[in-house]
PDB file of N, CA and C in Angstrom:
ATOM      1  N   MET A   1     128.132  87.734 115.929  1.00  0.00           N
ATOM      2  CA  MET A   1     128.029  87.500 114.503  1.00  0.00           C
ATOM      3  C   MET A   1     127.832  85.998 114.288  1.00  0.00           C
ATOM      4  N   MET A   2     126.877  85.653 113.440  1.00  0.00           N
ATOM      5  CA  MET A   2     126.613  84.253 113.113  1.00  0.00           C
ATOM      6  C   MET A   2     127.173  83.972 111.717  1.00  0.00           C
ATOM      7  N   LEU A   3     128.009  82.961 111.622  1.00  0.00           N
ATOM      8  CA  LEU A   3     128.576  82.552 110.337  1.00  0.00           C
ATOM      9  C   LEU A   3     127.875  81.300 109.831  1.00  0.00           C
ATOM     10  N   ILE A   4     127.603  81.282 108.546  1.00  0.00           N
ATOM     11  CA  ILE A   4     127.058  80.095 107.879  1.00  0.00           C
ATOM     12  C   ILE A   4     128.066  79.691 106.826  1.00  0.00           C
ATOM     13  N   HIS A   5     128.426  78.426 106.834  1.00  0.00           N
ATOM     14  CA  HIS A   5     129.388  77.918 105.852  1.00  0.00           C
ATOM     15  C   HIS A   5     128.631  77.491 104.591  1.00  0.00           C
ATOM     16  N   CYS A   6     128.787  78.260 103.521  1.00  0.00           N
ATOM     17  CA  CYS A   6     128.196  77.900 102.229  1.00  0.00           C
ATOM     18  C   CYS A   6     129.081  76.820 101.612  1.00  0.00           C
ATOM     19  N   PRO A   7     128.507  75.676 101.200  1.00  0.00           N
ATOM     20  CA  PRO A   7     129.329  74.623 100.599  1.00  0.00           C
ATOM     21  C   PRO A   7     130.012  75.067  99.305  1.00  0.00           C
ATOM     22  N   HIS A   8     129.547  76.165  98.711  1.00  0.00           N
ATOM     23  CA  HIS A   8     130.092  76.645  97.440  1.00  0.00           C
ATOM     24  C   HIS A   8     131.067  77.809  97.619  1.00  0.00           C
ATOM     25  N   CYS A   9     130.842  78.653  98.650  1.00  0.00           N
ATOM     26  CA  CYS A   9     131.612  79.891  98.816  1.00  0.00           C
ATOM     27  C   CYS A   9     132.435  79.963 100.087  1.00  0.00           C
ATOM     28  N   GLY A  10     132.216  79.056 101.029  1.00  0.00           N
ATOM     29  CA  GLY A  10     132.921  79.108 102.302  1.00  0.00           C
ATOM     30  C   GLY A  10     132.115  79.843 103.366  1.00  0.00           C
ATOM     31  N   ALA A  11     132.750  80.127 104.492  1.00  0.00           N
ATOM     32  CA  ALA A  11     132.076  80.773 105.620  1.00  0.00           C
ATOM     33  C   ALA A  11     131.741  82.223 105.287  1.00  0.00           C
ATOM     34  N   ARG A  12     130.495  82.601 105.559  1.00  0.00           N
ATOM     35  CA  ARG A  12     130.019  83.957 105.288  1.00  0.00           C
ATOM     36  C   ARG A  12     129.120  84.413 106.438  1.00  0.00           C
ATOM     37  N   ASP A  13     128.979  85.718 106.587  1.00  0.00           N
ATOM     38  CA  ASP A  13     128.110  86.280 107.606  1.00  0.00           C
ATOM     39  C   ASP A  13     126.655  85.973 107.270  1.00  0.00           C
ATOM     40  N   VAL A  14     125.845  85.793 108.292  1.00  0.00           N
ATOM     41  CA  VAL A  14     124.438  85.448 108.121  1.00  0.00           C
ATOM     42  C   VAL A  14     123.683  86.502 107.298  1.00  0.00           C
ATOM     43  N   THR A  15     124.155  87.750 107.285  1.00  0.00           N
ATOM     44  CA  THR A  15     123.469  88.805 106.531  1.00  0.00           C
ATOM     45  C   THR A  15     123.494  88.559 105.029  1.00  0.00           C
ATOM     46  N   GLU A  16     124.349  87.646 104.550  1.00  0.00           N
ATOM     47  CA  GLU A  16     124.387  87.309 103.123  1.00  0.00           C
ATOM     48  C   GLU A  16     123.313  86.292 102.742  1.00  0.00           C
ATOM     49  N   PHE A  17     122.606  85.747 103.737  1.00  0.00           N
ATOM     50  CA  PHE A  17     121.668  84.661 103.498  1.00  0.00           C
ATOM     51  C   PHE A  17     120.234  85.092 103.767  1.00  0.00           C
ATOM     52  N   THR A  18     119.298  84.410 103.125  1.00  0.00           N
ATOM     53  CA  THR A  18     117.874  84.600 103.347  1.00  0.00           C
ATOM     54  C   THR A  18     117.290  83.278 103.814  1.00  0.00           C
ATOM     55  N   TYR A  19     116.576  83.316 104.933  1.00  0.00           N
ATOM     56  CA  TYR A  19     115.940  82.125 105.473  1.00  0.00           C
ATOM     57  C   TYR A  19     114.856  81.660 104.512  1.00  0.00           C
ATOM     58  N   GLY A  20     114.836  80.380 104.217  1.00  0.00           N
ATOM     59  CA  GLY A  20     113.873  79.858 103.251  1.00  0.00           C
ATOM     60  C   GLY A  20     112.852  78.913 103.825  1.00  0.00           C
ATOM     61  N   GLY A  21     112.923  78.625 105.105  1.00  0.00           N
ATOM     62  CA  GLY A  21     111.924  77.756 105.708  1.00  0.00           C
ATOM     63  C   GLY A  21     112.505  76.454 106.192  1.00  0.00           C
ATOM     64  N   ALA A  22     111.594  75.642 106.700  1.00  0.00           N
ATOM     65  CA  ALA A  22     112.016  74.387 107.303  1.00  0.00           C
ATOM     66  C   ALA A  22     111.339  73.193 106.665  1.00  0.00           C
ATOM     67  N   GLY A  23     110.915  73.323 105.433  1.00  0.00           N
ATOM     68  CA  GLY A  23     110.397  72.176 104.701  1.00  0.00           C
ATOM     69  C   GLY A  23     109.012  71.714 105.099  1.00  0.00           C
ATOM     70  N   ALA A  24     108.096  72.631 105.353  1.00  0.00           N
ATOM     71  CA  ALA A  24     106.719  72.233 105.647  1.00  0.00           C
ATOM     72  C   ALA A  24     106.101  71.583 104.412  1.00  0.00           C
ATOM     73  N   ALA A  25     105.319  70.567 104.634  1.00  0.00           N
ATOM     74  CA  ALA A  25     104.710  69.833 103.518  1.00  0.00           C
ATOM     75  C   ALA A  25     103.513  70.602 102.958  1.00  0.00           C
ATOM     76  N   ARG A  26     103.523  70.806 101.652  1.00  0.00           N
ATOM     77  CA  ARG A  26     102.383  71.450 100.987  1.00  0.00           C
ATOM     78  C   ARG A  26     101.183  70.517 101.038  1.00  0.00           C
ATOM     79  N   PRO A  27      99.971  71.061 100.881  1.00  0.00           N
ATOM     80  CA  PRO A  27      98.807  70.175 100.804  1.00  0.00           C
ATOM     81  C   PRO A  27      98.991  69.156  99.677  1.00  0.00           C
ATOM     82  N   ALA A  28      98.549  67.930  99.900  1.00  0.00           N
ATOM     83  CA  ALA A  28      98.759  66.843  98.937  1.00  0.00           C
ATOM     84  C   ALA A  28      98.182  67.174  97.563  1.00  0.00           C
ATOM     85  N   ASP A  29      96.997  67.761  97.530  1.00  0.00           N
ATOM     86  CA  ASP A  29      96.366  68.160  96.263  1.00  0.00           C
ATOM     87  C   ASP A  29      96.107  69.660  96.322  1.00  0.00           C
ATOM     88  N   PRO A  30      97.090  70.487  95.891  1.00  0.00           N
ATOM     89  CA  PRO A  30      96.955  71.943  96.034  1.00  0.00           C
ATOM     90  C   PRO A  30      95.688  72.520  95.398  1.00  0.00           C
ATOM     91  N   ALA A  31      95.237  71.943  94.271  1.00  0.00           N
ATOM     92  CA  ALA A  31      94.049  72.473  93.603  1.00  0.00           C
ATOM     93  C   ALA A  31      92.789  72.226  94.431  1.00  0.00           C
ATOM     94  N   ALA A  32      92.782  71.172  95.228  1.00  0.00           N
ATOM     95  CA  ALA A  32      91.592  70.830  96.014  1.00  0.00           C
ATOM     96  C   ALA A  32      91.673  71.331  97.450  1.00  0.00           C
ATOM     97  N   ALA A  33      92.793  71.934  97.838  1.00  0.00           N
ATOM     98  CA  ALA A  33      92.954  72.397  99.225  1.00  0.00           C
ATOM     99  C   ALA A  33      92.035  73.577  99.506  1.00  0.00           C
ATOM    100  N   ASP A  34      91.428  73.563 100.681  1.00  0.00           N
ATOM    101  CA  ASP A  34      90.550  74.667 101.060  1.00  0.00           C
ATOM    102  C   ASP A  34      91.347  75.725 101.851  1.00  0.00           C
ATOM    103  N   ASP A  35      90.684  76.814 102.192  1.00  0.00           N
ATOM    104  CA  ASP A  35      91.356  77.922 102.883  1.00  0.00           C
ATOM    105  C   ASP A  35      92.004  77.499 104.208  1.00  0.00           C
ATOM    106  N   PRO A  36      91.317  76.717 105.049  1.00  0.00           N
ATOM    107  CA  PRO A  36      91.977  76.309 106.300  1.00  0.00           C
ATOM    108  C   PRO A  36      93.243  75.482 106.065  1.00  0.00           C
ATOM    109  N   GLN A  37      93.273  74.645 105.041  1.00  0.00           N
ATOM    110  CA  GLN A  37      94.481  73.868 104.743  1.00  0.00           C
ATOM    111  C   GLN A  37      95.624  74.785 104.304  1.00  0.00           C
ATOM    112  N   TRP A  38      95.330  75.770 103.452  1.00  0.00           N
ATOM    113  CA  TRP A  38      96.370  76.699 103.013  1.00  0.00           C
ATOM    114  C   TRP A  38      96.843  77.574 104.164  1.00  0.00           C
ATOM    115  N   ALA A  39      95.931  78.031 105.007  1.00  0.00           N
ATOM    116  CA  ALA A  39      96.317  78.850 106.162  1.00  0.00           C
ATOM    117  C   ALA A  39      97.222  78.047 107.090  1.00  0.00           C
ATOM    118  N   ASP A  40      96.894  76.777 107.274  1.00  0.00           N
ATOM    119  CA  ASP A  40      97.717  75.907 108.108  1.00  0.00           C
ATOM    120  C   ASP A  40      99.119  75.767 107.519  1.00  0.00           C
ATOM    121  N   TYR A  41      99.211  75.584 106.204  1.00  0.00           N
ATOM    122  CA  TYR A  41     100.505  75.423 105.526  1.00  0.00           C
ATOM    123  C   TYR A  41     101.336  76.715 105.589  1.00  0.00           C
ATOM    124  N   VAL A  42     100.701  77.847 105.367  1.00  0.00           N
ATOM    125  CA  VAL A  42     101.426  79.115 105.276  1.00  0.00           C
ATOM    126  C   VAL A  42     101.796  79.685 106.650  1.00  0.00           C
ATOM    127  N   TYR A  43     100.874  79.593 107.623  1.00  0.00           N
ATOM    128  CA  TYR A  43     101.078  80.322 108.873  1.00  0.00           C
ATOM    129  C   TYR A  43     101.391  79.476 110.099  1.00  0.00           C
ATOM    130  N   MET A  44     100.936  78.252 110.149  1.00  0.00           N
ATOM    131  CA  MET A  44     101.069  77.455 111.366  1.00  0.00           C
ATOM    132  C   MET A  44     102.355  76.630 111.304  1.00  0.00           C
ATOM    133  N   ARG A  45     103.380  77.098 111.968  1.00  0.00           N
ATOM    134  CA  ARG A  45     104.678  76.421 111.967  1.00  0.00           C
ATOM    135  C   ARG A  45     105.057  76.017 113.384  1.00  0.00           C
ATOM    136  N   ASP A  46     105.714  74.882 113.485  1.00  0.00           N
ATOM    137  CA  ASP A  46     106.289  74.506 114.767  1.00  0.00           C
ATOM    138  C   ASP A  46     107.460  75.436 115.044  1.00  0.00           C
ATOM    139  N   ASN A  47     107.700  75.703 116.294  1.00  0.00           N
ATOM    140  CA  ASN A  47     108.830  76.522 116.699  1.00  0.00           C
ATOM    141  C   ASN A  47     109.700  75.670 117.621  1.00  0.00           C
ATOM    142  N   PRO A  48     110.444  74.727 117.034  1.00  0.00           N
ATOM    143  CA  PRO A  48     111.170  73.770 117.858  1.00  0.00           C
ATOM    144  C   PRO A  48     112.320  74.409 118.629  1.00  0.00           C
ATOM    145  N   ARG A  49     112.624  73.804 119.741  1.00  0.00           N
ATOM    146  CA  ARG A  49     113.740  74.243 120.559  1.00  0.00           C
ATOM    147  C   ARG A  49     114.821  73.184 120.412  1.00  0.00           C
ATOM    148  N   GLY A  50     115.992  73.581 119.963  1.00  0.00           N
ATOM    149  CA  GLY A  50     117.073  72.625 119.772  1.00  0.00           C
ATOM    150  C   GLY A  50     117.424  72.484 118.296  1.00  0.00           C
ATOM    151  N   LEU A  51     117.873  71.294 117.908  1.00  0.00           N
ATOM    152  CA  LEU A  51     118.317  71.075 116.525  1.00  0.00           C
ATOM    153  C   LEU A  51     117.156  71.145 115.551  1.00  0.00           C
ATOM    154  N   HIS A  52     117.408  71.831 114.444  1.00  0.00           N
ATOM    155  CA  HIS A  52     116.376  72.040 113.431  1.00  0.00           C
ATOM    156  C   HIS A  52     117.050  72.100 112.073  1.00  0.00           C
ATOM    157  N   ASP A  53     116.506  71.401 111.088  1.00  0.00           N
ATOM    158  CA  ASP A  53     117.034  71.451 109.721  1.00  0.00           C
ATOM    159  C   ASP A  53     116.252  72.478 108.921  1.00  0.00           C
ATOM    160  N   GLU A  54     116.972  73.387 108.270  1.00  0.00           N
ATOM    161  CA  GLU A  54     116.346  74.508 107.561  1.00  0.00           C
ATOM    162  C   GLU A  54     116.950  74.664 106.172  1.00  0.00           C
ATOM    163  N   LEU A  55     116.273  75.427 105.332  1.00  0.00           N
ATOM    164  CA  LEU A  55     116.809  75.808 104.028  1.00  0.00           C
ATOM    165  C   LEU A  55     117.101  77.306 104.051  1.00  0.00           C
ATOM    166  N   TRP A  56     118.265  77.676 103.536  1.00  0.00           N
ATOM    167  CA  TRP A  56     118.670  79.071 103.421  1.00  0.00           C
ATOM    168  C   TRP A  56     119.178  79.289 101.995  1.00  0.00           C
ATOM    169  N   GLN A  57     118.986  80.512 101.483  1.00  0.00           N
ATOM    170  CA  GLN A  57     119.537  80.865 100.170  1.00  0.00           C
ATOM    171  C   GLN A  57     120.686  81.844 100.379  1.00  0.00           C
ATOM    172  N   HIS A  58     121.797  81.597  99.699  1.00  0.00           N
ATOM    173  CA  HIS A  58     122.943  82.516  99.760  1.00  0.00           C
ATOM    174  C   HIS A  58     122.649  83.664  98.794  1.00  0.00           C
ATOM    175  N   SER A  59     121.734  84.519  99.202  1.00  0.00           N
ATOM    176  CA  SER A  59     121.182  85.548  98.320  1.00  0.00           C
ATOM    177  C   SER A  59     122.164  86.650  97.945  1.00  0.00           C
ATOM    178  N   ALA A  60     123.180  86.905  98.762  1.00  0.00           N
ATOM    179  CA  ALA A  60     124.169  87.934  98.434  1.00  0.00           C
ATOM    180  C   ALA A  60     125.481  87.306  97.968  1.00  0.00           C
ATOM    181  N   GLY A  61     125.415  86.053  97.592  1.00  0.00           N
ATOM    182  CA  GLY A  61     126.603  85.333  97.126  1.00  0.00           C
ATOM    183  C   GLY A  61     126.271  84.548  95.871  1.00  0.00           C
ATOM    184  N   CYS A  62     126.396  83.244  95.966  1.00  0.00           N
ATOM    185  CA  CYS A  62     126.208  82.381  94.792  1.00  0.00           C
ATOM    186  C   CYS A  62     124.733  82.160  94.444  1.00  0.00           C
ATOM    187  N   ARG A  63     123.817  82.580  95.316  1.00  0.00           N
ATOM    188  CA  ARG A  63     122.374  82.483  95.133  1.00  0.00           C
ATOM    189  C   ARG A  63     121.856  81.043  95.170  1.00  0.00           C
ATOM    190  N   ARG A  64     122.670  80.108  95.599  1.00  0.00           N
ATOM    191  CA  ARG A  64     122.234  78.716  95.695  1.00  0.00           C
ATOM    192  C   ARG A  64     121.566  78.463  97.047  1.00  0.00           C
ATOM    193  N   TRP A  65     120.717  77.442  97.068  1.00  0.00           N
ATOM    194  CA  TRP A  65     120.067  77.010  98.303  1.00  0.00           C
ATOM    195  C   TRP A  65     120.983  76.040  99.033  1.00  0.00           C
ATOM    196  N   ILE A  66     120.999  76.149 100.360  1.00  0.00           N
ATOM    197  CA  ILE A  66     121.781  75.220 101.165  1.00  0.00           C
ATOM    198  C   ILE A  66     120.928  74.728 102.336  1.00  0.00           C
ATOM    199  N   ALA A  67     121.257  73.547 102.817  1.00  0.00           N
ATOM    200  CA  ALA A  67     120.611  73.000 104.004  1.00  0.00           C
ATOM    201  C   ALA A  67     121.470  73.365 105.210  1.00  0.00           C
ATOM    202  N   VAL A  68     120.823  73.799 106.279  1.00  0.00           N
ATOM    203  CA  VAL A  68     121.522  74.215 107.496  1.00  0.00           C
ATOM    204  C   VAL A  68     120.904  73.490 108.683  1.00  0.00           C
ATOM    205  N   ARG A  69     121.736  72.850 109.481  1.00  0.00           N
ATOM    206  CA  ARG A  69     121.291  72.284 110.757  1.00  0.00           C
ATOM    207  C   ARG A  69     121.738  73.257 111.826  1.00  0.00           C
ATOM    208  N   ARG A  70     120.741  73.788 112.553  1.00  0.00           N
ATOM    209  CA  ARG A  70     121.012  74.865 113.497  1.00  0.00           C
ATOM    210  C   ARG A  70     120.328  74.581 114.816  1.00  0.00           C
ATOM    211  N   ASN A  71     120.962  74.986 115.908  1.00  0.00           N
ATOM    212  CA  ASN A  71     120.341  74.907 117.219  1.00  0.00           C
ATOM    213  C   ASN A  71     119.548  76.197 117.404  1.00  0.00           C
ATOM    214  N   THR A  72     118.230  76.095 117.460  1.00  0.00           N
ATOM    215  CA  THR A  72     117.397  77.297 117.538  1.00  0.00           C
ATOM    216  C   THR A  72     117.447  77.957 118.906  1.00  0.00           C
ATOM    217  N   LEU A  73     117.982  77.269 119.890  1.00  0.00           N
ATOM    218  CA  LEU A  73     118.100  77.853 121.223  1.00  0.00           C
ATOM    219  C   LEU A  73     119.359  78.716 121.334  1.00  0.00           C
ATOM    220  N   THR A  74     120.469  78.245 120.754  1.00  0.00           N
ATOM    221  CA  THR A  74     121.744  78.961 120.860  1.00  0.00           C
ATOM    222  C   THR A  74     122.164  79.649 119.557  1.00  0.00           C
ATOM    223  N   HIS A  75     121.494  79.362 118.469  1.00  0.00           N
ATOM    224  CA  HIS A  75     121.808  79.851 117.117  1.00  0.00           C
ATOM    225  C   HIS A  75     123.128  79.304 116.577  1.00  0.00           C
ATOM    226  N   ASP A  76     123.660  78.261 117.209  1.00  0.00           N
ATOM    227  CA  ASP A  76     124.869  77.625 116.684  1.00  0.00           C
ATOM    228  C   ASP A  76     124.535  76.863 115.408  1.00  0.00           C
ATOM    229  N   VAL A  77     125.346  77.067 114.371  1.00  0.00           N
ATOM    230  CA  VAL A  77     125.196  76.310 113.136  1.00  0.00           C
ATOM    231  C   VAL A  77     126.011  75.031 113.298  1.00  0.00           C
ATOM    232  N   ILE A  78     125.338  73.896 113.245  1.00  0.00           N
ATOM    233  CA  ILE A  78     125.964  72.600 113.487  1.00  0.00           C
ATOM    234  C   ILE A  78     126.557  72.027 112.199  1.00  0.00           C
ATOM    235  N   ALA A  79     125.812  72.129 111.099  1.00  0.00           N
ATOM    236  CA  ALA A  79     126.271  71.568 109.825  1.00  0.00           C
ATOM    237  C   ALA A  79     125.577  72.286 108.676  1.00  0.00           C
ATOM    238  N   THR A  80     126.250  72.316 107.525  1.00  0.00           N
ATOM    239  CA  THR A  80     125.649  72.826 106.295  1.00  0.00           C
ATOM    240  C   THR A  80     125.994  71.868 105.170  1.00  0.00           C
ATOM    241  N   ALA A  81     125.155  71.845 104.146  1.00  0.00           N
ATOM    242  CA  ALA A  81     125.376  70.958 103.004  1.00  0.00           C
ATOM    243  C   ALA A  81     124.467  71.399 101.867  1.00  0.00           C
ATOM    244  N   ARG A  82     124.625  70.756 100.752  1.00  0.00           N
ATOM    245  CA  ARG A  82     123.673  70.966  99.664  1.00  0.00           C
ATOM    246  C   ARG A  82     122.329  70.392 100.114  1.00  0.00           C
ATOM    247  N   PRO A  83     121.205  70.906  99.603  1.00  0.00           N
ATOM    248  CA  PRO A  83     119.897  70.381 100.015  1.00  0.00           C
ATOM    249  C   PRO A  83     119.830  68.863  99.825  1.00  0.00           C
ATOM    250  N   GLY A  84     119.328  68.198 100.840  1.00  0.00           N
ATOM    251  CA  GLY A  84     119.185  66.754 100.807  1.00  0.00           C
ATOM    252  C   GLY A  84     120.433  65.986 101.187  1.00  0.00           C
ATOM    253  N   GLU A  85     121.534  66.690 101.512  1.00  0.00           N
ATOM    254  CA  GLU A  85     122.789  66.017 101.821  1.00  0.00           C
ATOM    255  C   GLU A  85     123.254  66.175 103.267  1.00  0.00           C
ATOM    256  N   LEU A  86     122.411  66.700 104.145  1.00  0.00           N
ATOM    257  CA  LEU A  86     122.806  66.782 105.553  1.00  0.00           C
ATOM    258  C   LEU A  86     122.938  65.373 106.114  1.00  0.00           C
ATOM    259  N   PRO A  87     123.965  65.112 106.928  1.00  0.00           N
ATOM    260  CA  PRO A  87     124.088  63.775 107.514  1.00  0.00           C
ATOM    261  C   PRO A  87     122.958  63.523 108.505  1.00  0.00           C
ATOM    262  N   PRO A  88     122.617  62.267 108.725  1.00  0.00           N
ATOM    263  CA  PRO A  88     121.559  61.982 109.714  1.00  0.00           C
ATOM    264  C   PRO A  88     121.976  62.466 111.096  1.00  0.00           C
ATOM    265  N   ARG A  89     120.995  62.797 111.900  1.00  0.00           N
ATOM    266  CA  ARG A  89     121.290  63.272 113.264  1.00  0.00           C
ATOM    267  C   ARG A  89     121.725  62.137 114.136  1.00  0.00           C
TER     268      ARG A  89
END
């Protein structure tokens, strides 16, 4: 069982959360972006091994977004915080 500590609700099972991504940058000018740029943004993601900062929504709880630092190799949750408040690595 993987626990994620919600800064608002406390430790909860991962099944209460929805993965929201890892902060990929949108095209600089969305109206002028062509199909290859959008495909790159939507589908082409790095799959890092080790520490990774992600966004998760506590969808079965307070419904707020939280930042999660997680080891993608072991699935250990290292830190959680409000978005933009994770301590530097």
